[in-house]
Amino acid sequence: MEAMSIAEARANFSSVVKGTSSGGEPVIIHSRGKPKVVIMDVAEYREIMATLEEMNDPEARALLEKGEEDIKKGRTKTVEEIFGEAIL
């Protein structure tokens, strides 16, 4: 992930926005060496926010924790076992 000062971002704002949009890497903007903000593609931001919302849903969180426990205990099945054939 790229990082730049506020002055650099200001001077190159158009190219920073262009470089981060459409799936480009986010850019950390810092002031006096301390990170202040991140500029990122709006689709990526929305995806992160949706994930956070799901993680805050107690029912979804419980299902995720159960799935993680199943994986740790080896309670898994292959794609072939579930669908009867390889998908790819």
PDB file of N, CA and C in Angstrom:
ATOM      1  N   MET A   1       0.846  -1.170   0.000  1.00  0.00           N
ATOM      2  CA  MET A   1       0.000   0.000   0.000  1.00  0.00           C
ATOM      3  C   MET A   1       0.892   1.234   0.000  1.00  0.00           C
ATOM      4  N   GLU A   2       0.597   2.134  -0.898  1.00  0.00           N
ATOM      5  CA  GLU A   2       1.384   3.357  -1.023  1.00  0.00           C
ATOM      6  C   GLU A   2       1.021   4.336   0.091  1.00  0.00           C
ATOM      7  N   ALA A   3       1.986   5.153   0.472  1.00  0.00           N
ATOM      8  CA  ALA A   3       1.759   6.209   1.455  1.00  0.00           C
ATOM      9  C   ALA A   3       2.384   7.493   0.941  1.00  0.00           C
ATOM     10  N   MET A   4       1.751   8.612   1.276  1.00  0.00           N
ATOM     11  CA  MET A   4       2.301   9.908   0.873  1.00  0.00           C
ATOM     12  C   MET A   4       1.833  10.977   1.848  1.00  0.00           C
ATOM     13  N   SER A   5       2.554  12.079   1.829  1.00  0.00           N
ATOM     14  CA  SER A   5       2.216  13.198   2.705  1.00  0.00           C
ATOM     15  C   SER A   5       0.988  13.930   2.170  1.00  0.00           C
ATOM     16  N   ILE A   6       0.395  14.741   3.022  1.00  0.00           N
ATOM     17  CA  ILE A   6      -0.739  15.562   2.608  1.00  0.00           C
ATOM     18  C   ILE A   6      -0.322  16.472   1.452  1.00  0.00           C
ATOM     19  N   ALA A   7       0.876  17.049   1.535  1.00  0.00           N
ATOM     20  CA  ALA A   7       1.350  17.939   0.472  1.00  0.00           C
ATOM     21  C   ALA A   7       1.459  17.198  -0.859  1.00  0.00           C
ATOM     22  N   GLU A   8       1.998  15.977  -0.838  1.00  0.00           N
ATOM     23  CA  GLU A   8       2.104  15.180  -2.061  1.00  0.00           C
ATOM     24  C   GLU A   8       0.717  14.853  -2.616  1.00  0.00           C
ATOM     25  N   ALA A   9      -0.187  14.469  -1.724  1.00  0.00           N
ATOM     26  CA  ALA A   9      -1.547  14.125  -2.151  1.00  0.00           C
ATOM     27  C   ALA A   9      -2.247  15.337  -2.757  1.00  0.00           C
ATOM     28  N   ARG A  10      -2.082  16.479  -2.140  1.00  0.00           N
ATOM     29  CA  ARG A  10      -2.700  17.712  -2.640  1.00  0.00           C
ATOM     30  C   ARG A  10      -2.164  18.045  -4.032  1.00  0.00           C
ATOM     31  N   ALA A  11      -0.871  17.943  -4.189  1.00  0.00           N
ATOM     32  CA  ALA A  11      -0.241  18.282  -5.463  1.00  0.00           C
ATOM     33  C   ALA A  11      -0.611  17.304  -6.580  1.00  0.00           C
ATOM     34  N   ASN A  12      -0.943  16.079  -6.202  1.00  0.00           N
ATOM     35  CA  ASN A  12      -1.235  15.036  -7.195  1.00  0.00           C
ATOM     36  C   ASN A  12      -2.623  14.429  -7.005  1.00  0.00           C
ATOM     37  N   PHE A  13      -3.540  15.227  -6.473  1.00  0.00           N
ATOM     38  CA  PHE A  13      -4.838  14.681  -6.065  1.00  0.00           C
ATOM     39  C   PHE A  13      -5.550  13.937  -7.198  1.00  0.00           C
ATOM     40  N   SER A  14      -5.584  14.513  -8.361  1.00  0.00           N
ATOM     41  CA  SER A  14      -6.281  13.882  -9.487  1.00  0.00           C
ATOM     42  C   SER A  14      -5.696  12.508  -9.800  1.00  0.00           C
ATOM     43  N   SER A  15      -4.380  12.411  -9.830  1.00  0.00           N
ATOM     44  CA  SER A  15      -3.758  11.117 -10.134  1.00  0.00           C
ATOM     45  C   SER A  15      -3.916  10.134  -8.971  1.00  0.00           C
ATOM     46  N   VAL A  16      -3.952  10.638  -7.731  1.00  0.00           N
ATOM     47  CA  VAL A  16      -4.181   9.758  -6.574  1.00  0.00           C
ATOM     48  C   VAL A  16      -5.572   9.142  -6.676  1.00  0.00           C
ATOM     49  N   VAL A  17      -6.564   9.963  -6.966  1.00  0.00           N
ATOM     50  CA  VAL A  17      -7.939   9.459  -7.103  1.00  0.00           C
ATOM     51  C   VAL A  17      -8.021   8.472  -8.256  1.00  0.00           C
ATOM     52  N   LYS A  18      -7.440   8.825  -9.383  1.00  0.00           N
ATOM     53  CA  LYS A  18      -7.461   7.955 -10.553  1.00  0.00           C
ATOM     54  C   LYS A  18      -6.777   6.615 -10.254  1.00  0.00           C
ATOM     55  N   GLY A  19      -5.663   6.669  -9.530  1.00  0.00           N
ATOM     56  CA  GLY A  19      -4.916   5.455  -9.214  1.00  0.00           C
ATOM     57  C   GLY A  19      -5.602   4.541  -8.213  1.00  0.00           C
ATOM     58  N   THR A  20      -6.444   5.089  -7.360  1.00  0.00           N
ATOM     59  CA  THR A  20      -7.121   4.262  -6.360  1.00  0.00           C
ATOM     60  C   THR A  20      -8.481   3.772  -6.823  1.00  0.00           C
ATOM     61  N   SER A  21      -9.068   4.452  -7.802  1.00  0.00           N
ATOM     62  CA  SER A  21     -10.392   4.039  -8.275  1.00  0.00           C
ATOM     63  C   SER A  21     -10.287   2.804  -9.153  1.00  0.00           C
ATOM     64  N   SER A  22     -11.399   2.154  -9.326  1.00  0.00           N
ATOM     65  CA  SER A  22     -11.499   0.943 -10.163  1.00  0.00           C
ATOM     66  C   SER A  22     -10.555  -0.162  -9.712  1.00  0.00           C
ATOM     67  N   GLY A  23     -10.468  -0.355  -8.411  1.00  0.00           N
ATOM     68  CA  GLY A  23      -9.719  -1.482  -7.881  1.00  0.00           C
ATOM     69  C   GLY A  23      -8.248  -1.251  -7.659  1.00  0.00           C
ATOM     70  N   GLY A  24      -7.775  -0.017  -7.808  1.00  0.00           N
ATOM     71  CA  GLY A  24      -6.368   0.275  -7.533  1.00  0.00           C
ATOM     72  C   GLY A  24      -6.077   0.171  -6.047  1.00  0.00           C
ATOM     73  N   GLU A  25      -4.811   0.163  -5.714  1.00  0.00           N
ATOM     74  CA  GLU A  25      -4.401   0.059  -4.318  1.00  0.00           C
ATOM     75  C   GLU A  25      -4.773   1.320  -3.522  1.00  0.00           C
ATOM     76  N   PRO A  26      -5.252   1.153  -2.295  1.00  0.00           N
ATOM     77  CA  PRO A  26      -5.513   2.307  -1.433  1.00  0.00           C
ATOM     78  C   PRO A  26      -4.216   3.073  -1.142  1.00  0.00           C
ATOM     79  N   VAL A  27      -4.354   4.335  -0.811  1.00  0.00           N
ATOM     80  CA  VAL A  27      -3.209   5.181  -0.489  1.00  0.00           C
ATOM     81  C   VAL A  27      -3.413   5.753   0.914  1.00  0.00           C
ATOM     82  N   ILE A  28      -2.402   5.615   1.755  1.00  0.00           N
ATOM     83  CA  ILE A  28      -2.434   6.204   3.098  1.00  0.00           C
ATOM     84  C   ILE A  28      -1.862   7.608   2.998  1.00  0.00           C
ATOM     85  N   ILE A  29      -2.602   8.576   3.533  1.00  0.00           N
ATOM     86  CA  ILE A  29      -2.138   9.956   3.557  1.00  0.00           C
ATOM     87  C   ILE A  29      -1.686  10.249   4.979  1.00  0.00           C
ATOM     88  N   HIS A  30      -0.454  10.769   5.109  1.00  0.00           N
ATOM     89  CA  HIS A  30       0.076  11.036   6.444  1.00  0.00           C
ATOM     90  C   HIS A  30       0.452  12.499   6.600  1.00  0.00           C
ATOM     91  N   SER A  31       0.492  12.908   7.846  1.00  0.00           N
ATOM     92  CA  SER A  31       0.908  14.261   8.209  1.00  0.00           C
ATOM     93  C   SER A  31       1.970  14.148   9.283  1.00  0.00           C
ATOM     94  N   ARG A  32       3.121  14.706   9.000  1.00  0.00           N
ATOM     95  CA  ARG A  32       4.266  14.626   9.913  1.00  0.00           C
ATOM     96  C   ARG A  32       4.571  13.181  10.313  1.00  0.00           C
ATOM     97  N   GLY A  33       4.460  12.310   9.331  1.00  0.00           N
ATOM     98  CA  GLY A  33       4.804  10.908   9.537  1.00  0.00           C
ATOM     99  C   GLY A  33       3.725  10.063  10.186  1.00  0.00           C
ATOM    100  N   LYS A  34       2.596  10.661  10.550  1.00  0.00           N
ATOM    101  CA  LYS A  34       1.520   9.897  11.191  1.00  0.00           C
ATOM    102  C   LYS A  34       0.362   9.715  10.217  1.00  0.00           C
ATOM    103  N   PRO A  35      -0.102   8.456  10.043  1.00  0.00           N
ATOM    104  CA  PRO A  35      -1.212   8.206   9.128  1.00  0.00           C
ATOM    105  C   PRO A  35      -2.476   8.943   9.584  1.00  0.00           C
ATOM    106  N   LYS A  36      -3.154   9.566   8.616  1.00  0.00           N
ATOM    107  CA  LYS A  36      -4.364  10.327   8.934  1.00  0.00           C
ATOM    108  C   LYS A  36      -5.605   9.776   8.236  1.00  0.00           C
ATOM    109  N   VAL A  37      -5.509   9.488   6.945  1.00  0.00           N
ATOM    110  CA  VAL A  37      -6.659   8.987   6.188  1.00  0.00           C
ATOM    111  C   VAL A  37      -6.190   7.992   5.133  1.00  0.00           C
ATOM    112  N   VAL A  38      -7.163   7.274   4.582  1.00  0.00           N
ATOM    113  CA  VAL A  38      -6.903   6.353   3.478  1.00  0.00           C
ATOM    114  C   VAL A  38      -7.829   6.735   2.330  1.00  0.00           C
ATOM    115  N   ILE A  39      -7.271   6.827   1.137  1.00  0.00           N
ATOM    116  CA  ILE A  39      -8.082   7.034  -0.055  1.00  0.00           C
ATOM    117  C   ILE A  39      -8.169   5.689  -0.750  1.00  0.00           C
ATOM    118  N   MET A  40      -9.409   5.260  -1.016  1.00  0.00           N
ATOM    119  CA  MET A  40      -9.605   3.944  -1.628  1.00  0.00           C
ATOM    120  C   MET A  40     -10.802   3.960  -2.569  1.00  0.00           C
ATOM    121  N   ASP A  41     -10.874   2.956  -3.412  1.00  0.00           N
ATOM    122  CA  ASP A  41     -11.970   2.781  -4.340  1.00  0.00           C
ATOM    123  C   ASP A  41     -13.278   2.622  -3.568  1.00  0.00           C
ATOM    124  N   VAL A  42     -14.331   3.285  -4.022  1.00  0.00           N
ATOM    125  CA  VAL A  42     -15.608   3.259  -3.313  1.00  0.00           C
ATOM    126  C   VAL A  42     -16.205   1.848  -3.268  1.00  0.00           C
ATOM    127  N   ALA A  43     -16.021   1.051  -4.304  1.00  0.00           N
ATOM    128  CA  ALA A  43     -16.541  -0.319  -4.294  1.00  0.00           C
ATOM    129  C   ALA A  43     -15.865  -1.142  -3.207  1.00  0.00           C
ATOM    130  N   GLU A  44     -14.560  -0.969  -3.057  1.00  0.00           N
ATOM    131  CA  GLU A  44     -13.829  -1.676  -2.008  1.00  0.00           C
ATOM    132  C   GLU A  44     -14.301  -1.221  -0.621  1.00  0.00           C
ATOM    133  N   TYR A  45     -14.501   0.087  -0.460  1.00  0.00           N
ATOM    134  CA  TYR A  45     -15.002   0.634   0.801  1.00  0.00           C
ATOM    135  C   TYR A  45     -16.365   0.021   1.139  1.00  0.00           C
ATOM    136  N   ARG A  46     -17.259  -0.009   0.159  1.00  0.00           N
ATOM    137  CA  ARG A  46     -18.601  -0.561   0.410  1.00  0.00           C
ATOM    138  C   ARG A  46     -18.537  -2.039   0.779  1.00  0.00           C
ATOM    139  N   GLU A  47     -17.621  -2.771   0.140  1.00  0.00           N
ATOM    140  CA  GLU A  47     -17.453  -4.191   0.452  1.00  0.00           C
ATOM    141  C   GLU A  47     -16.977  -4.380   1.898  1.00  0.00           C
ATOM    142  N   ILE A  48     -16.031  -3.564   2.297  1.00  0.00           N
ATOM    143  CA  ILE A  48     -15.528  -3.628   3.681  1.00  0.00           C
ATOM    144  C   ILE A  48     -16.650  -3.301   4.672  1.00  0.00           C
ATOM    145  N   MET A  49     -17.421  -2.257   4.368  1.00  0.00           N
ATOM    146  CA  MET A  49     -18.510  -1.864   5.269  1.00  0.00           C
ATOM    147  C   MET A  49     -19.575  -2.960   5.355  1.00  0.00           C
ATOM    148  N   ALA A  50     -19.888  -3.607   4.238  1.00  0.00           N
ATOM    149  CA  ALA A  50     -20.860  -4.705   4.243  1.00  0.00           C
ATOM    150  C   ALA A  50     -20.347  -5.864   5.082  1.00  0.00           C
ATOM    151  N   THR A  51     -19.056  -6.158   4.966  1.00  0.00           N
ATOM    152  CA  THR A  51     -18.460  -7.228   5.768  1.00  0.00           C
ATOM    153  C   THR A  51     -18.541  -6.900   7.247  1.00  0.00           C
ATOM    154  N   LEU A  52     -18.233  -5.664   7.606  1.00  0.00           N
ATOM    155  CA  LEU A  52     -18.315  -5.250   9.007  1.00  0.00           C
ATOM    156  C   LEU A  52     -19.741  -5.359   9.527  1.00  0.00           C
ATOM    157  N   GLU A  53     -20.692  -4.982   8.694  1.00  0.00           N
ATOM    158  CA  GLU A  53     -22.099  -5.075   9.098  1.00  0.00           C
ATOM    159  C   GLU A  53     -22.485  -6.529   9.366  1.00  0.00           C
ATOM    160  N   GLU A  54     -22.050  -7.417   8.475  1.00  0.00           N
ATOM    161  CA  GLU A  54     -22.327  -8.846   8.671  1.00  0.00           C
ATOM    162  C   GLU A  54     -21.666  -9.363   9.934  1.00  0.00           C
ATOM    163  N   MET A  55     -20.446  -8.922  10.188  1.00  0.00           N
ATOM    164  CA  MET A  55     -19.723  -9.389  11.370  1.00  0.00           C
ATOM    165  C   MET A  55     -20.391  -8.913  12.670  1.00  0.00           C
ATOM    166  N   ASN A  56     -21.121  -7.830  12.588  1.00  0.00           N
ATOM    167  CA  ASN A  56     -21.821  -7.323  13.766  1.00  0.00           C
ATOM    168  C   ASN A  56     -23.183  -7.970  13.963  1.00  0.00           C
ATOM    169  N   ASP A  57     -23.624  -8.768  12.996  1.00  0.00           N
ATOM    170  CA  ASP A  57     -24.885  -9.492  13.111  1.00  0.00           C
ATOM    171  C   ASP A  57     -24.617 -10.744  13.946  1.00  0.00           C
ATOM    172  N   PRO A  58     -25.225 -10.839  15.134  1.00  0.00           N
ATOM    173  CA  PRO A  58     -24.934 -11.976  16.026  1.00  0.00           C
ATOM    174  C   PRO A  58     -25.184 -13.335  15.370  1.00  0.00           C
ATOM    175  N   GLU A  59     -26.234 -13.445  14.575  1.00  0.00           N
ATOM    176  CA  GLU A  59     -26.542 -14.721  13.930  1.00  0.00           C
ATOM    177  C   GLU A  59     -25.476 -15.092  12.903  1.00  0.00           C
ATOM    178  N   ALA A  60     -25.070 -14.118  12.091  1.00  0.00           N
ATOM    179  CA  ALA A  60     -24.021 -14.372  11.094  1.00  0.00           C
ATOM    180  C   ALA A  60     -22.701 -14.681  11.778  1.00  0.00           C
ATOM    181  N   ARG A  61     -22.395 -13.965  12.840  1.00  0.00           N
ATOM    182  CA  ARG A  61     -21.144 -14.193  13.584  1.00  0.00           C
ATOM    183  C   ARG A  61     -21.123 -15.600  14.174  1.00  0.00           C
ATOM    184  N   ALA A  62     -22.254 -16.052  14.710  1.00  0.00           N
ATOM    185  CA  ALA A  62     -22.335 -17.396  15.287  1.00  0.00           C
ATOM    186  C   ALA A  62     -22.111 -18.456  14.212  1.00  0.00           C
ATOM    187  N   LEU A  63     -22.690 -18.255  13.025  1.00  0.00           N
ATOM    188  CA  LEU A  63     -22.494 -19.205  11.931  1.00  0.00           C
ATOM    189  C   LEU A  63     -21.029 -19.248  11.494  1.00  0.00           C
ATOM    190  N   LEU A  64     -20.402 -18.101  11.419  1.00  0.00           N
ATOM    191  CA  LEU A  64     -18.991 -18.036  11.048  1.00  0.00           C
ATOM    192  C   LEU A  64     -18.128 -18.761  12.083  1.00  0.00           C
ATOM    193  N   GLU A  65     -18.390 -18.512  13.346  1.00  0.00           N
ATOM    194  CA  GLU A  65     -17.613 -19.176  14.409  1.00  0.00           C
ATOM    195  C   GLU A  65     -17.810 -20.681  14.372  1.00  0.00           C
ATOM    196  N   LYS A  66     -19.040 -21.132  14.099  1.00  0.00           N
ATOM    197  CA  LYS A  66     -19.304 -22.570  14.002  1.00  0.00           C
ATOM    198  C   LYS A  66     -18.528 -23.151  12.818  1.00  0.00           C
ATOM    199  N   GLY A  67     -18.528 -22.445  11.698  1.00  0.00           N
ATOM    200  CA  GLY A  67     -17.788 -22.914  10.526  1.00  0.00           C
ATOM    201  C   GLY A  67     -16.299 -23.012  10.795  1.00  0.00           C
ATOM    202  N   GLU A  68     -15.753 -22.008  11.476  1.00  0.00           N
ATOM    203  CA  GLU A  68     -14.331 -22.029  11.816  1.00  0.00           C
ATOM    204  C   GLU A  68     -14.010 -23.194  12.739  1.00  0.00           C
ATOM    205  N   GLU A  69     -14.905 -23.469  13.673  1.00  0.00           N
ATOM    206  CA  GLU A  69     -14.709 -24.597  14.590  1.00  0.00           C
ATOM    207  C   GLU A  69     -14.753 -25.916  13.816  1.00  0.00           C
ATOM    208  N   ASP A  70     -15.697 -26.035  12.882  1.00  0.00           N
ATOM    209  CA  ASP A  70     -15.788 -27.248  12.056  1.00  0.00           C
ATOM    210  C   ASP A  70     -14.493 -27.478  11.283  1.00  0.00           C
ATOM    211  N   ILE A  71     -13.937 -26.415  10.712  1.00  0.00           N
ATOM    212  CA  ILE A  71     -12.683 -26.536   9.960  1.00  0.00           C
ATOM    213  C   ILE A  71     -11.553 -26.993  10.870  1.00  0.00           C
ATOM    214  N   LYS A  72     -11.436 -26.390  12.043  1.00  0.00           N
ATOM    215  CA  LYS A  72     -10.372 -26.762  12.984  1.00  0.00           C
ATOM    216  C   LYS A  72     -10.472 -28.218  13.401  1.00  0.00           C
ATOM    217  N   LYS A  73     -11.702 -28.726  13.531  1.00  0.00           N
ATOM    218  CA  LYS A  73     -11.913 -30.103  13.987  1.00  0.00           C
ATOM    219  C   LYS A  73     -11.974 -31.096  12.833  1.00  0.00           C
ATOM    220  N   GLY A  74     -11.736 -30.601  11.607  1.00  0.00           N
ATOM    221  CA  GLY A  74     -11.694 -31.492  10.457  1.00  0.00           C
ATOM    222  C   GLY A  74     -13.054 -31.920   9.943  1.00  0.00           C
ATOM    223  N   ARG A  75     -14.091 -31.240  10.370  1.00  0.00           N
ATOM    224  CA  ARG A  75     -15.448 -31.582   9.907  1.00  0.00           C
ATOM    225  C   ARG A  75     -15.706 -30.840   8.595  1.00  0.00           C
ATOM    226  N   THR A  76     -15.082 -31.342   7.536  1.00  0.00           N
ATOM    227  CA  THR A  76     -15.199 -30.718   6.220  1.00  0.00           C
ATOM    228  C   THR A  76     -15.508 -31.781   5.172  1.00  0.00           C
ATOM    229  N   LYS A  77     -15.941 -31.326   3.996  1.00  0.00           N
ATOM    230  CA  LYS A  77     -16.195 -32.207   2.862  1.00  0.00           C
ATOM    231  C   LYS A  77     -15.577 -31.565   1.632  1.00  0.00           C
ATOM    232  N   THR A  78     -15.169 -32.393   0.702  1.00  0.00           N
ATOM    233  CA  THR A  78     -14.622 -31.885  -0.556  1.00  0.00           C
ATOM    234  C   THR A  78     -15.773 -31.460  -1.464  1.00  0.00           C
ATOM    235  N   VAL A  79     -15.445 -30.718  -2.501  1.00  0.00           N
ATOM    236  CA  VAL A  79     -16.448 -30.310  -3.494  1.00  0.00           C
ATOM    237  C   VAL A  79     -17.083 -31.546  -4.116  1.00  0.00           C
ATOM    238  N   GLU A  80     -16.253 -32.536  -4.403  1.00  0.00           N
ATOM    239  CA  GLU A  80     -16.752 -33.761  -5.018  1.00  0.00           C
ATOM    240  C   GLU A  80     -17.745 -34.477  -4.099  1.00  0.00           C
ATOM    241  N   GLU A  81     -17.478 -34.482  -2.787  1.00  0.00           N
ATOM    242  CA  GLU A  81     -18.393 -35.127  -1.841  1.00  0.00           C
ATOM    243  C   GLU A  81     -19.740 -34.404  -1.790  1.00  0.00           C
ATOM    244  N   ILE A  82     -19.719 -33.091  -1.944  1.00  0.00           N
ATOM    245  CA  ILE A  82     -20.961 -32.330  -1.879  1.00  0.00           C
ATOM    246  C   ILE A  82     -21.730 -32.392  -3.179  1.00  0.00           C
ATOM    247  N   PHE A  83     -21.048 -32.177  -4.311  1.00  0.00           N
ATOM    248  CA  PHE A  83     -21.734 -32.081  -5.601  1.00  0.00           C
ATOM    249  C   PHE A  83     -21.641 -33.338  -6.451  1.00  0.00           C
ATOM    250  N   GLY A  84     -20.840 -34.304  -6.028  1.00  0.00           N
ATOM    251  CA  GLY A  84     -20.718 -35.526  -6.790  1.00  0.00           C
ATOM    252  C   GLY A  84     -19.717 -35.438  -7.935  1.00  0.00           C
ATOM    253  N   GLU A  85     -19.177 -34.261  -8.178  1.00  0.00           N
ATOM    254  CA  GLU A  85     -18.189 -34.085  -9.240  1.00  0.00           C
ATOM    255  C   GLU A  85     -17.413 -32.795  -8.986  1.00  0.00           C
ATOM    256  N   ALA A  86     -16.288 -32.688  -9.657  1.00  0.00           N
ATOM    257  CA  ALA A  86     -15.477 -31.469  -9.535  1.00  0.00           C
ATOM    258  C   ALA A  86     -16.188 -30.334 -10.275  1.00  0.00           C
ATOM    259  N   ILE A  87     -16.160 -29.152  -9.687  1.00  0.00           N
ATOM    260  CA  ILE A  87     -16.813 -27.982 -10.290  1.00  0.00           C
ATOM    261  C   ILE A  87     -15.990 -27.414 -11.419  1.00  0.00           C
ATOM    262  N   LEU A  88     -14.697 -27.343 -11.228  1.00  0.00           N
ATOM    263  CA  LEU A  88     -13.824 -26.769 -12.257  1.00  0.00           C
ATOM    264  C   LEU A  88     -13.504 -27.839 -13.200  1.00  0.00           C
TER     265      LEU A  88
END
